[in-house]
Amino acid sequence: GVPLTARGGIVNEADLIDALNNGTVAGACLDVQNPEPPAMTSPLYTMENVILTPHIGWKRIETRQRLINFVSKNISSFLQGHPINVVN
């Protein structure tokens, strides 16, 4: 299956629909689409093996608090000379 919660453009929607129809991919859970929202004619709305959710994960206070805690820990670790989540 394909869970997608990042950016809709990461997945080629036409290819995903083909893969879902021919069984290459068993199912998809999409919190983001490209475009967002999908066109009303998009097959994603009627496919039995697709779950679409509105892209509102950011609205929950718990999500924002988790991000604040994450950023705070990153800054604190960096200032102490032990950076975390480093991308080289």
Foldseek 3Di string as FASTA:
>chain_A
DAEDLDEQVVDDLVVVVVCCVVVVDVAYEYQYHVVVPDDPPDCLVPDPRYHYDHNCPVVDPVNVVVVVVVVVVQVVCVVVVHHPPDDD
